[in-house]
Amino acid sequence: MPALVHVTDPLVTERLLLRPYEPGDLDALHDMQSRPEVAHYLYWEPRTRSESQSSLVRKVGWTCISGQGDTLNLAVTRRSGGPVIGDVLVTYTSAPHQQAEVGYLFHPDVHGQGLATEATAAMVDLAFDQLGVHRVFARLDARNLPSARLLERLGLQREAHLVQNEWVKGEWVDEVIYAVRADEWAAVRSAGGGVGQRGRTASR
């Protein structure tokens, strides 16, 4: 089946490059995945180097979306160069209902610079413009307020708060869902939002 989306060249935003993962990205990926503050609101615990290696092998292969259930996963670097500082993805969750989920995580050292917002906007753009979905959503631990604020800055709206719906790391946790429709995203873009905007979800 021909790919609906296949990324070979980097996606370019104002400050970032979003590119396919490479085997040489292990050190940078492990530096992110091994940190307790990164894994805190995710399903997995801080990863060993071996676990990060296994994760990288999967990510290297996630460069296209050919049908429902496929995930596109890209590494984020600065346009000025340097190692991987973030991880973004989009999953084609439903073909009949034209739905996609976005996710991201970033190195703590670059928090507060609007880079996660900029990179996530690029993935929402891709979902609507290239995948042609009707709705993009993100799921996160209800306690993860910085991620909630990021999604709100992008123009996603909080649609649901699911109370104690998941058993994660030995406790029941709430999950919130944010989403935006294609027509709403078009309005955000026309108003000056989207890629280049400064301002758990990922890799759950």
N, C-alpha and C. Protein backbone atom coordinates (compact mmCIF):
# COMPACT_ATOMS: atom_id res chain seq x y z
N MET A 1 0.85 -1.19 0.00
CA MET A 1 0.00 0.00 0.00
C MET A 1 0.89 1.25 0.00
N PRO A 2 0.66 2.18 -0.90
CA PRO A 2 1.47 3.41 -0.90
C PRO A 2 1.24 4.20 0.37
N ALA A 3 2.30 4.86 0.84
CA ALA A 3 2.21 5.63 2.08
C ALA A 3 1.36 6.86 1.88
N LEU A 4 0.54 7.17 2.87
CA LEU A 4 -0.22 8.41 2.87
C LEU A 4 0.70 9.57 3.22
N VAL A 5 1.63 9.31 4.14
CA VAL A 5 2.63 10.29 4.54
C VAL A 5 3.96 9.56 4.68
N HIS A 6 5.01 10.09 4.07
CA HIS A 6 6.34 9.50 4.18
C HIS A 6 7.35 10.64 4.27
N VAL A 7 8.01 10.73 5.40
CA VAL A 7 8.97 11.82 5.63
C VAL A 7 10.38 11.31 5.39
N THR A 8 11.06 11.87 4.42
CA THR A 8 12.47 11.55 4.16
C THR A 8 13.35 12.77 4.42
N ASP A 9 12.86 13.93 4.06
CA ASP A 9 13.59 15.18 4.32
C ASP A 9 13.01 15.84 5.56
N PRO A 10 13.81 16.59 6.31
CA PRO A 10 13.32 17.22 7.53
C PRO A 10 12.17 18.19 7.28
N LEU A 11 11.24 18.24 8.23
CA LEU A 11 10.25 19.31 8.26
C LEU A 11 10.93 20.50 8.93
N VAL A 12 10.78 21.67 8.35
CA VAL A 12 11.49 22.85 8.83
C VAL A 12 10.50 23.85 9.41
N THR A 13 10.75 24.27 10.66
CA THR A 13 9.96 25.33 11.28
C THR A 13 10.88 26.52 11.51
N GLU A 14 10.40 27.50 12.22
CA GLU A 14 11.18 28.72 12.43
C GLU A 14 12.55 28.44 13.05
N ARG A 15 12.57 27.55 14.06
CA ARG A 15 13.82 27.29 14.78
C ARG A 15 14.27 25.84 14.78
N LEU A 16 13.46 24.96 14.19
CA LEU A 16 13.67 23.53 14.38
C LEU A 16 13.70 22.75 13.08
N LEU A 17 14.32 21.56 13.16
CA LEU A 17 14.23 20.54 12.13
C LEU A 17 13.58 19.30 12.76
N LEU A 18 12.57 18.76 12.09
CA LEU A 18 11.92 17.52 12.51
C LEU A 18 12.28 16.47 11.47
N ARG A 19 13.08 15.50 11.85
CA ARG A 19 13.64 14.56 10.88
C ARG A 19 13.49 13.12 11.36
N PRO A 20 13.61 12.14 10.45
CA PRO A 20 13.61 10.75 10.89
C PRO A 20 14.75 10.46 11.85
N TYR A 21 14.49 9.55 12.77
CA TYR A 21 15.54 9.14 13.71
C TYR A 21 16.65 8.39 12.98
N GLU A 22 17.86 8.47 13.54
CA GLU A 22 19.03 7.79 13.01
C GLU A 22 19.68 6.98 14.12
N PRO A 23 20.41 5.90 13.78
CA PRO A 23 21.06 5.08 14.82
C PRO A 23 21.97 5.90 15.73
N GLY A 24 22.56 6.96 15.23
CA GLY A 24 23.46 7.78 16.04
C GLY A 24 22.77 8.66 17.06
N ASP A 25 21.45 8.60 17.15
CA ASP A 25 20.71 9.44 18.09
C ASP A 25 20.58 8.81 19.47
N LEU A 26 21.22 7.66 19.70
CA LEU A 26 21.00 6.94 20.95
C LEU A 26 21.37 7.77 22.18
N ASP A 27 22.53 8.40 22.17
CA ASP A 27 22.96 9.14 23.36
C ASP A 27 21.95 10.22 23.74
N ALA A 28 21.51 10.97 22.76
CA ALA A 28 20.57 12.06 23.04
C ALA A 28 19.21 11.52 23.47
N LEU A 29 18.75 10.45 22.82
CA LEU A 29 17.46 9.88 23.18
C LEU A 29 17.50 9.33 24.60
N HIS A 30 18.58 8.62 24.92
CA HIS A 30 18.69 8.07 26.27
C HIS A 30 18.79 9.17 27.31
N ASP A 31 19.44 10.27 26.97
CA ASP A 31 19.55 11.39 27.90
C ASP A 31 18.16 11.92 28.27
N MET A 32 17.22 11.88 27.32
CA MET A 32 15.85 12.29 27.62
C MET A 32 15.09 11.19 28.35
N GLN A 33 15.13 9.99 27.82
CA GLN A 33 14.28 8.91 28.34
C GLN A 33 14.71 8.41 29.72
N SER A 34 15.95 8.65 30.11
CA SER A 34 16.43 8.15 31.39
C SER A 34 16.12 9.09 32.55
N ARG A 35 15.56 10.25 32.26
CA ARG A 35 15.31 11.25 33.30
C ARG A 35 13.94 11.03 33.98
N PRO A 36 13.93 10.96 35.31
CA PRO A 36 12.65 10.77 36.02
C PRO A 36 11.63 11.85 35.71
N GLU A 37 12.07 13.11 35.55
CA GLU A 37 11.11 14.18 35.29
C GLU A 37 10.47 14.07 33.91
N VAL A 38 11.14 13.40 32.97
CA VAL A 38 10.58 13.18 31.64
C VAL A 38 9.54 12.06 31.68
N ALA A 39 9.86 10.98 32.40
CA ALA A 39 8.98 9.81 32.42
C ALA A 39 7.83 9.94 33.42
N HIS A 40 7.85 10.98 34.24
CA HIS A 40 6.93 11.07 35.38
C HIS A 40 5.47 10.87 35.00
N TYR A 41 4.99 11.52 33.96
CA TYR A 41 3.58 11.44 33.59
C TYR A 41 3.33 10.47 32.43
N LEU A 42 4.32 9.66 32.08
CA LEU A 42 4.18 8.71 30.98
C LEU A 42 3.95 7.31 31.53
N TYR A 43 3.67 6.35 30.64
CA TYR A 43 3.38 5.00 31.07
C TYR A 43 4.62 4.26 31.56
N TRP A 44 5.80 4.67 31.05
CA TRP A 44 7.01 3.92 31.37
C TRP A 44 7.86 4.64 32.40
N GLU A 45 8.69 3.84 33.07
CA GLU A 45 9.65 4.36 34.03
C GLU A 45 10.88 4.88 33.29
N PRO A 46 11.75 5.65 33.96
CA PRO A 46 13.00 6.06 33.31
C PRO A 46 13.71 4.84 32.71
N ARG A 47 14.17 4.99 31.47
CA ARG A 47 14.68 3.84 30.73
C ARG A 47 16.18 3.65 30.87
N THR A 48 16.58 2.38 30.88
CA THR A 48 17.99 2.05 30.83
C THR A 48 18.49 2.31 29.41
N ARG A 49 19.80 2.28 29.23
CA ARG A 49 20.35 2.48 27.89
C ARG A 49 19.87 1.39 26.94
N SER A 50 19.77 0.17 27.43
CA SER A 50 19.28 -0.92 26.59
C SER A 50 17.83 -0.68 26.18
N GLU A 51 17.02 -0.19 27.09
CA GLU A 51 15.62 0.10 26.76
C GLU A 51 15.52 1.26 25.77
N SER A 52 16.37 2.26 25.93
CA SER A 52 16.38 3.36 24.96
C SER A 52 16.83 2.88 23.59
N GLN A 53 17.77 1.93 23.57
CA GLN A 53 18.21 1.36 22.29
C GLN A 53 17.06 0.65 21.59
N SER A 54 16.28 -0.11 22.34
CA SER A 54 15.12 -0.79 21.75
C SER A 54 14.09 0.22 21.26
N SER A 55 13.91 1.30 22.03
CA SER A 55 12.99 2.35 21.62
C SER A 55 13.48 3.01 20.33
N LEU A 56 14.78 3.26 20.23
CA LEU A 56 15.33 3.90 19.04
C LEU A 56 15.14 3.02 17.80
N VAL A 57 15.31 1.71 17.95
CA VAL A 57 15.12 0.80 16.81
C VAL A 57 13.71 0.95 16.25
N ARG A 58 12.73 1.05 17.14
CA ARG A 58 11.34 1.24 16.68
C ARG A 58 11.18 2.59 15.98
N LYS A 59 11.74 3.62 16.59
CA LYS A 59 11.57 4.96 16.05
C LYS A 59 12.21 5.12 14.68
N VAL A 60 13.35 4.49 14.46
CA VAL A 60 14.02 4.57 13.16
C VAL A 60 13.10 4.07 12.05
N GLY A 61 12.25 3.11 12.37
CA GLY A 61 11.36 2.55 11.36
C GLY A 61 10.05 3.28 11.19
N TRP A 62 9.77 4.23 12.05
CA TRP A 62 8.47 4.92 12.01
C TRP A 62 8.58 6.21 11.21
N THR A 63 8.75 6.08 9.91
CA THR A 63 8.93 7.24 9.04
C THR A 63 7.75 7.48 8.11
N CYS A 64 6.74 6.60 8.15
CA CYS A 64 5.63 6.78 7.23
C CYS A 64 4.33 6.28 7.85
N ILE A 65 3.25 6.76 7.29
CA ILE A 65 1.91 6.30 7.65
C ILE A 65 1.25 5.77 6.38
N SER A 66 0.96 4.48 6.38
CA SER A 66 0.32 3.86 5.22
C SER A 66 -1.13 3.51 5.47
N GLY A 67 -1.53 3.47 6.75
CA GLY A 67 -2.90 3.13 7.07
C GLY A 67 -3.18 3.28 8.54
N GLN A 68 -4.38 2.93 8.93
CA GLN A 68 -4.82 3.07 10.31
C GLN A 68 -3.89 2.33 11.26
N GLY A 69 -3.55 2.98 12.37
CA GLY A 69 -2.69 2.38 13.37
C GLY A 69 -1.22 2.71 13.22
N ASP A 70 -0.82 3.24 12.07
CA ASP A 70 0.59 3.57 11.85
C ASP A 70 0.97 4.86 12.58
N THR A 71 2.24 4.92 12.97
CA THR A 71 2.78 6.09 13.67
C THR A 71 3.97 6.66 12.92
N LEU A 72 4.00 7.98 12.79
CA LEU A 72 5.15 8.70 12.28
C LEU A 72 5.83 9.35 13.47
N ASN A 73 7.12 9.04 13.68
CA ASN A 73 7.85 9.52 14.85
C ASN A 73 9.11 10.22 14.37
N LEU A 74 9.29 11.47 14.77
CA LEU A 74 10.42 12.27 14.30
C LEU A 74 11.24 12.82 15.46
N ALA A 75 12.53 12.93 15.20
CA ALA A 75 13.46 13.56 16.15
C ALA A 75 13.48 15.06 15.89
N VAL A 76 13.63 15.84 16.94
CA VAL A 76 13.64 17.29 16.83
C VAL A 76 15.04 17.80 17.19
N THR A 77 15.60 18.61 16.30
CA THR A 77 16.87 19.28 16.56
C THR A 77 16.71 20.77 16.25
N ARG A 78 17.65 21.57 16.73
CA ARG A 78 17.66 22.97 16.35
C ARG A 78 18.15 23.12 14.91
N ARG A 79 17.64 24.11 14.21
CA ARG A 79 18.13 24.39 12.86
C ARG A 79 19.60 24.78 12.87
N SER A 80 20.04 25.34 13.97
CA SER A 80 21.44 25.75 14.08
C SER A 80 22.39 24.59 14.35
N GLY A 81 21.83 23.38 14.55
CA GLY A 81 22.66 22.21 14.77
C GLY A 81 22.57 21.72 16.20
N GLY A 82 23.29 20.60 16.46
CA GLY A 82 23.29 20.03 17.80
C GLY A 82 22.51 18.73 17.87
N PRO A 83 22.47 18.12 19.06
CA PRO A 83 21.82 16.83 19.22
C PRO A 83 20.30 16.92 19.24
N VAL A 84 19.67 15.77 19.29
CA VAL A 84 18.22 15.69 19.42
C VAL A 84 17.79 16.29 20.76
N ILE A 85 16.79 17.18 20.72
CA ILE A 85 16.29 17.81 21.94
C ILE A 85 14.83 17.47 22.20
N GLY A 86 14.19 16.79 21.24
CA GLY A 86 12.78 16.48 21.43
C GLY A 86 12.34 15.33 20.55
N ASP A 87 11.14 14.86 20.82
CA ASP A 87 10.56 13.71 20.14
C ASP A 87 9.09 14.03 19.88
N VAL A 88 8.65 13.92 18.62
CA VAL A 88 7.25 14.20 18.29
C VAL A 88 6.69 13.05 17.45
N LEU A 89 5.40 12.85 17.56
CA LEU A 89 4.79 11.77 16.78
C LEU A 89 3.35 12.11 16.44
N VAL A 90 2.87 11.43 15.41
CA VAL A 90 1.46 11.46 15.07
C VAL A 90 1.05 10.04 14.69
N THR A 91 -0.07 9.58 15.25
CA THR A 91 -0.60 8.24 14.99
C THR A 91 -1.95 8.37 14.30
N TYR A 92 -2.11 7.63 13.21
CA TYR A 92 -3.37 7.61 12.46
C TYR A 92 -4.30 6.63 13.17
N THR A 93 -5.10 7.12 14.10
CA THR A 93 -5.86 6.24 14.98
C THR A 93 -7.13 5.67 14.34
N SER A 94 -7.72 6.39 13.39
CA SER A 94 -8.95 5.89 12.77
C SER A 94 -9.09 6.43 11.35
N ALA A 95 -9.16 5.52 10.39
CA ALA A 95 -9.40 5.93 9.01
C ALA A 95 -10.88 6.28 8.78
N PRO A 96 -11.83 5.43 9.25
CA PRO A 96 -13.24 5.77 9.03
C PRO A 96 -13.64 7.11 9.66
N HIS A 97 -13.07 7.41 10.82
CA HIS A 97 -13.46 8.62 11.53
C HIS A 97 -12.46 9.76 11.33
N GLN A 98 -11.43 9.51 10.54
CA GLN A 98 -10.44 10.53 10.18
C GLN A 98 -9.86 11.22 11.42
N GLN A 99 -9.25 10.40 12.28
CA GLN A 99 -8.71 10.88 13.54
C GLN A 99 -7.21 10.61 13.63
N ALA A 100 -6.49 11.52 14.25
CA ALA A 100 -5.06 11.32 14.50
C ALA A 100 -4.73 11.83 15.89
N GLU A 101 -3.74 11.18 16.51
CA GLU A 101 -3.28 11.60 17.84
C GLU A 101 -1.86 12.12 17.74
N VAL A 102 -1.57 13.22 18.41
CA VAL A 102 -0.21 13.76 18.45
C VAL A 102 0.36 13.57 19.85
N GLY A 103 1.70 13.50 19.89
CA GLY A 103 2.38 13.38 21.17
C GLY A 103 3.77 13.98 21.06
N TYR A 104 4.37 14.25 22.21
CA TYR A 104 5.69 14.87 22.20
C TYR A 104 6.36 14.69 23.55
N LEU A 105 7.68 14.78 23.57
CA LEU A 105 8.44 15.00 24.80
C LEU A 105 9.70 15.76 24.44
N PHE A 106 10.17 16.56 25.38
CA PHE A 106 11.34 17.39 25.15
C PHE A 106 12.29 17.32 26.33
N HIS A 107 13.56 17.55 26.04
CA HIS A 107 14.57 17.56 27.08
C HIS A 107 14.27 18.71 28.05
N PRO A 108 14.36 18.46 29.37
CA PRO A 108 14.06 19.51 30.34
C PRO A 108 14.88 20.78 30.16
N ASP A 109 16.08 20.65 29.62
CA ASP A 109 16.94 21.83 29.46
C ASP A 109 16.38 22.85 28.48
N VAL A 110 15.43 22.43 27.61
CA VAL A 110 14.88 23.37 26.63
C VAL A 110 13.43 23.76 26.94
N HIS A 111 12.94 23.35 28.11
CA HIS A 111 11.59 23.75 28.49
C HIS A 111 11.49 25.26 28.64
N GLY A 112 10.31 25.79 28.37
CA GLY A 112 10.08 27.21 28.55
C GLY A 112 10.50 28.08 27.39
N GLN A 113 10.94 27.47 26.29
CA GLN A 113 11.39 28.24 25.13
C GLN A 113 10.39 28.19 23.96
N GLY A 114 9.27 27.51 24.15
CA GLY A 114 8.27 27.41 23.08
C GLY A 114 8.61 26.41 22.00
N LEU A 115 9.65 25.59 22.21
CA LEU A 115 10.08 24.66 21.17
C LEU A 115 9.10 23.49 21.01
N ALA A 116 8.58 22.99 22.13
CA ALA A 116 7.60 21.91 22.05
C ALA A 116 6.33 22.38 21.35
N THR A 117 5.92 23.61 21.63
CA THR A 117 4.75 24.19 20.97
C THR A 117 4.98 24.28 19.47
N GLU A 118 6.15 24.75 19.08
CA GLU A 118 6.49 24.91 17.66
C GLU A 118 6.52 23.57 16.94
N ALA A 119 7.14 22.57 17.56
CA ALA A 119 7.24 21.26 16.93
C ALA A 119 5.90 20.56 16.86
N THR A 120 5.10 20.67 17.92
CA THR A 120 3.79 20.02 17.93
C THR A 120 2.87 20.65 16.90
N ALA A 121 2.97 21.95 16.73
CA ALA A 121 2.17 22.62 15.70
C ALA A 121 2.49 22.06 14.32
N ALA A 122 3.77 21.77 14.07
CA ALA A 122 4.15 21.21 12.78
C ALA A 122 3.52 19.84 12.56
N MET A 123 3.40 19.05 13.62
CA MET A 123 2.79 17.72 13.49
C MET A 123 1.28 17.83 13.30
N VAL A 124 0.65 18.81 13.94
CA VAL A 124 -0.78 19.03 13.71
C VAL A 124 -1.00 19.46 12.26
N ASP A 125 -0.14 20.35 11.77
CA ASP A 125 -0.20 20.74 10.36
C ASP A 125 -0.12 19.52 9.45
N LEU A 126 0.84 18.66 9.73
CA LEU A 126 1.03 17.46 8.90
C LEU A 126 -0.22 16.58 8.92
N ALA A 127 -0.80 16.40 10.09
CA ALA A 127 -1.99 15.55 10.20
C ALA A 127 -3.14 16.07 9.36
N PHE A 128 -3.34 17.39 9.38
CA PHE A 128 -4.44 17.96 8.61
C PHE A 128 -4.09 18.10 7.12
N ASP A 129 -2.90 18.61 6.83
CA ASP A 129 -2.56 18.93 5.45
C ASP A 129 -2.15 17.72 4.62
N GLN A 130 -1.43 16.79 5.22
CA GLN A 130 -0.94 15.64 4.46
C GLN A 130 -1.75 14.37 4.70
N LEU A 131 -2.16 14.15 5.95
CA LEU A 131 -2.94 12.96 6.25
C LEU A 131 -4.42 13.19 5.96
N GLY A 132 -4.85 14.44 6.01
CA GLY A 132 -6.22 14.78 5.66
C GLY A 132 -7.26 14.38 6.68
N VAL A 133 -6.89 14.40 7.97
CA VAL A 133 -7.85 13.99 8.98
C VAL A 133 -8.84 15.11 9.29
N HIS A 134 -9.89 14.74 10.00
CA HIS A 134 -10.92 15.69 10.42
C HIS A 134 -10.64 16.26 11.81
N ARG A 135 -9.96 15.44 12.65
CA ARG A 135 -9.77 15.83 14.06
C ARG A 135 -8.44 15.30 14.55
N VAL A 136 -7.73 16.14 15.30
CA VAL A 136 -6.47 15.76 15.94
C VAL A 136 -6.65 15.89 17.44
N PHE A 137 -6.19 14.90 18.19
CA PHE A 137 -6.35 14.95 19.64
C PHE A 137 -5.05 14.57 20.34
N ALA A 138 -4.99 14.88 21.62
CA ALA A 138 -3.87 14.52 22.46
C ALA A 138 -4.42 14.07 23.80
N ARG A 139 -3.77 13.06 24.40
CA ARG A 139 -4.17 12.55 25.71
C ARG A 139 -3.04 12.80 26.70
N LEU A 140 -3.39 13.16 27.93
CA LEU A 140 -2.36 13.38 28.92
C LEU A 140 -2.88 13.16 30.32
N ASP A 141 -1.95 12.88 31.21
CA ASP A 141 -2.25 12.77 32.63
C ASP A 141 -2.82 14.11 33.09
N ALA A 142 -3.92 14.08 33.81
CA ALA A 142 -4.59 15.31 34.20
C ALA A 142 -3.73 16.19 35.10
N ARG A 143 -2.69 15.61 35.72
CA ARG A 143 -1.81 16.40 36.59
C ARG A 143 -0.74 17.15 35.80
N ASN A 144 -0.62 16.85 34.54
CA ASN A 144 0.45 17.44 33.72
C ASN A 144 0.01 18.81 33.19
N LEU A 145 0.01 19.78 34.06
CA LEU A 145 -0.50 21.11 33.72
C LEU A 145 0.34 21.82 32.65
N PRO A 146 1.67 21.70 32.64
CA PRO A 146 2.43 22.36 31.57
C PRO A 146 2.03 21.86 30.18
N SER A 147 1.78 20.55 30.05
CA SER A 147 1.36 20.03 28.74
C SER A 147 -0.02 20.54 28.38
N ALA A 148 -0.90 20.63 29.37
CA ALA A 148 -2.24 21.16 29.10
C ALA A 148 -2.16 22.60 28.61
N ARG A 149 -1.32 23.39 29.24
CA ARG A 149 -1.19 24.79 28.81
C ARG A 149 -0.60 24.89 27.41
N LEU A 150 0.33 24.00 27.08
CA LEU A 150 0.91 23.98 25.73
C LEU A 150 -0.18 23.73 24.69
N LEU A 151 -1.01 22.73 24.94
CA LEU A 151 -2.06 22.41 23.98
C LEU A 151 -3.07 23.54 23.86
N GLU A 152 -3.35 24.20 24.96
CA GLU A 152 -4.28 25.33 24.91
C GLU A 152 -3.68 26.49 24.12
N ARG A 153 -2.36 26.71 24.25
CA ARG A 153 -1.72 27.75 23.45
C ARG A 153 -1.82 27.44 21.97
N LEU A 154 -1.78 26.18 21.62
CA LEU A 154 -1.88 25.79 20.21
C LEU A 154 -3.29 25.97 19.66
N GLY A 155 -4.29 26.00 20.53
CA GLY A 155 -5.66 26.13 20.08
C GLY A 155 -6.48 24.88 20.25
N LEU A 156 -5.91 23.82 20.87
CA LEU A 156 -6.70 22.63 21.16
C LEU A 156 -7.59 22.91 22.36
N GLN A 157 -8.76 22.31 22.38
CA GLN A 157 -9.71 22.54 23.45
C GLN A 157 -9.87 21.28 24.29
N ARG A 158 -10.05 21.49 25.57
CA ARG A 158 -10.25 20.36 26.48
C ARG A 158 -11.65 19.81 26.28
N GLU A 159 -11.73 18.55 25.87
CA GLU A 159 -13.02 17.95 25.55
C GLU A 159 -13.51 16.97 26.62
N ALA A 160 -12.58 16.38 27.37
CA ALA A 160 -13.01 15.37 28.34
C ALA A 160 -12.03 15.26 29.49
N HIS A 161 -12.56 14.93 30.65
CA HIS A 161 -11.76 14.60 31.83
C HIS A 161 -12.26 13.25 32.33
N LEU A 162 -11.45 12.22 32.14
CA LEU A 162 -11.82 10.85 32.51
C LEU A 162 -11.24 10.56 33.89
N VAL A 163 -12.10 10.26 34.84
CA VAL A 163 -11.70 10.13 36.24
C VAL A 163 -11.24 8.70 36.55
N GLN A 164 -10.01 8.59 37.00
CA GLN A 164 -9.42 7.31 37.39
C GLN A 164 -9.69 6.22 36.36
N ASN A 165 -9.42 6.54 35.10
CA ASN A 165 -9.71 5.57 34.04
C ASN A 165 -8.52 4.70 33.68
N GLU A 166 -7.33 5.00 34.25
CA GLU A 166 -6.16 4.18 33.93
C GLU A 166 -5.37 3.87 35.19
N TRP A 167 -4.84 2.63 35.23
CA TRP A 167 -3.97 2.19 36.32
C TRP A 167 -2.54 2.32 35.83
N VAL A 168 -1.81 3.30 36.34
CA VAL A 168 -0.47 3.61 35.86
C VAL A 168 0.49 3.68 37.03
N LYS A 169 1.54 2.88 36.98
CA LYS A 169 2.61 2.92 37.99
C LYS A 169 2.05 2.78 39.41
N GLY A 170 1.12 1.87 39.55
CA GLY A 170 0.62 1.55 40.88
C GLY A 170 -0.46 2.44 41.43
N GLU A 171 -1.08 3.27 40.58
CA GLU A 171 -2.16 4.12 41.08
C GLU A 171 -3.15 4.42 39.96
N TRP A 172 -4.37 4.73 40.35
CA TRP A 172 -5.38 5.18 39.40
C TRP A 172 -5.12 6.64 39.07
N VAL A 173 -5.14 6.96 37.77
CA VAL A 173 -4.89 8.34 37.36
C VAL A 173 -6.00 8.82 36.44
N ASP A 174 -6.22 10.13 36.48
CA ASP A 174 -7.17 10.77 35.57
C ASP A 174 -6.48 11.08 34.25
N GLU A 175 -7.27 11.07 33.19
CA GLU A 175 -6.75 11.42 31.87
C GLU A 175 -7.62 12.54 31.29
N VAL A 176 -6.98 13.51 30.65
CA VAL A 176 -7.73 14.54 29.94
C VAL A 176 -7.43 14.44 28.45
N ILE A 177 -8.39 14.85 27.66
CA ILE A 177 -8.28 14.79 26.21
C ILE A 177 -8.49 16.19 25.64
N TYR A 178 -7.55 16.61 24.83
CA TYR A 178 -7.63 17.87 24.10
C TYR A 178 -7.75 17.56 22.62
N ALA A 179 -8.45 18.41 21.87
CA ALA A 179 -8.62 18.15 20.45
C ALA A 179 -8.89 19.44 19.68
N VAL A 180 -8.68 19.34 18.36
CA VAL A 180 -8.99 20.44 17.46
C VAL A 180 -9.45 19.84 16.14
N ARG A 181 -10.46 20.43 15.52
CA ARG A 181 -10.96 19.99 14.22
C ARG A 181 -10.24 20.76 13.11
N ALA A 182 -10.36 20.24 11.92
CA ALA A 182 -9.68 20.86 10.78
C ALA A 182 -10.11 22.30 10.57
N ASP A 183 -11.41 22.58 10.70
CA ASP A 183 -11.87 23.96 10.48
C ASP A 183 -11.37 24.88 11.59
N GLU A 184 -11.29 24.36 12.81
CA GLU A 184 -10.78 25.17 13.92
C GLU A 184 -9.29 25.46 13.74
N TRP A 185 -8.55 24.46 13.27
CA TRP A 185 -7.12 24.65 13.06
C TRP A 185 -6.87 25.66 11.94
N ALA A 186 -7.69 25.62 10.91
CA ALA A 186 -7.56 26.59 9.83
C ALA A 186 -7.76 28.01 10.36
N ALA A 187 -8.68 28.16 11.31
CA ALA A 187 -8.92 29.48 11.90
C ALA A 187 -7.72 29.90 12.75
N VAL A 188 -7.13 28.95 13.46
CA VAL A 188 -5.93 29.24 14.26
C VAL A 188 -4.81 29.72 13.35
N ARG A 189 -4.61 29.02 12.24
CA ARG A 189 -3.54 29.39 11.32
C ARG A 189 -3.78 30.76 10.69
N SER A 190 -5.01 31.03 10.32
CA SER A 190 -5.32 32.31 9.68
C SER A 190 -5.15 33.47 10.66
N ALA A 191 -5.25 33.14 11.96
CA ALA A 191 -5.07 34.17 12.97
C ALA A 191 -3.61 34.34 13.39
N GLY A 192 -2.74 33.56 12.75
CA GLY A 192 -1.32 33.71 13.03
C GLY A 192 -0.72 32.66 13.91
N GLY A 193 -1.47 31.60 14.27
CA GLY A 193 -0.94 30.52 15.08
C GLY A 193 -0.27 29.47 14.23
N GLY A 194 0.09 28.34 14.87
CA GLY A 194 0.67 27.23 14.13
C GLY A 194 2.18 27.23 14.15
N VAL A 195 2.79 26.74 13.08
CA VAL A 195 4.24 26.60 13.04
C VAL A 195 4.91 27.95 13.18
N GLY A 196 5.93 27.97 14.01
CA GLY A 196 6.66 29.21 14.23
C GLY A 196 6.13 30.01 15.40
N GLN A 197 4.95 29.62 15.89
CA GLN A 197 4.40 30.30 17.05
C GLN A 197 5.32 30.10 18.24
N ARG A 198 5.65 31.14 18.92
CA ARG A 198 6.51 30.99 20.09
C ARG A 198 5.62 30.82 21.31
N GLY A 199 5.76 30.53 21.75
CA GLY A 199 4.95 30.37 22.88
C GLY A 199 5.61 29.38 23.92
N ARG A 200 2.03 15.00 28.27
CA ARG A 200 2.13 13.59 28.02
C ARG A 200 1.48 13.39 26.83
N THR A 201 2.26 14.43 26.79
CA THR A 201 1.58 13.67 25.88
C THR A 201 2.65 12.93 25.22
N ALA A 202 3.44 13.05 24.38
CA ALA A 202 4.33 12.24 23.59
C ALA A 202 4.72 10.92 24.17
N SER A 203 4.98 10.11 23.27
CA SER A 203 5.65 8.86 23.58
C SER A 203 5.02 8.16 24.78
N ARG A 204 3.75 8.23 24.92
CA ARG A 204 3.12 7.46 25.98
C ARG A 204 3.18 6.01 25.60
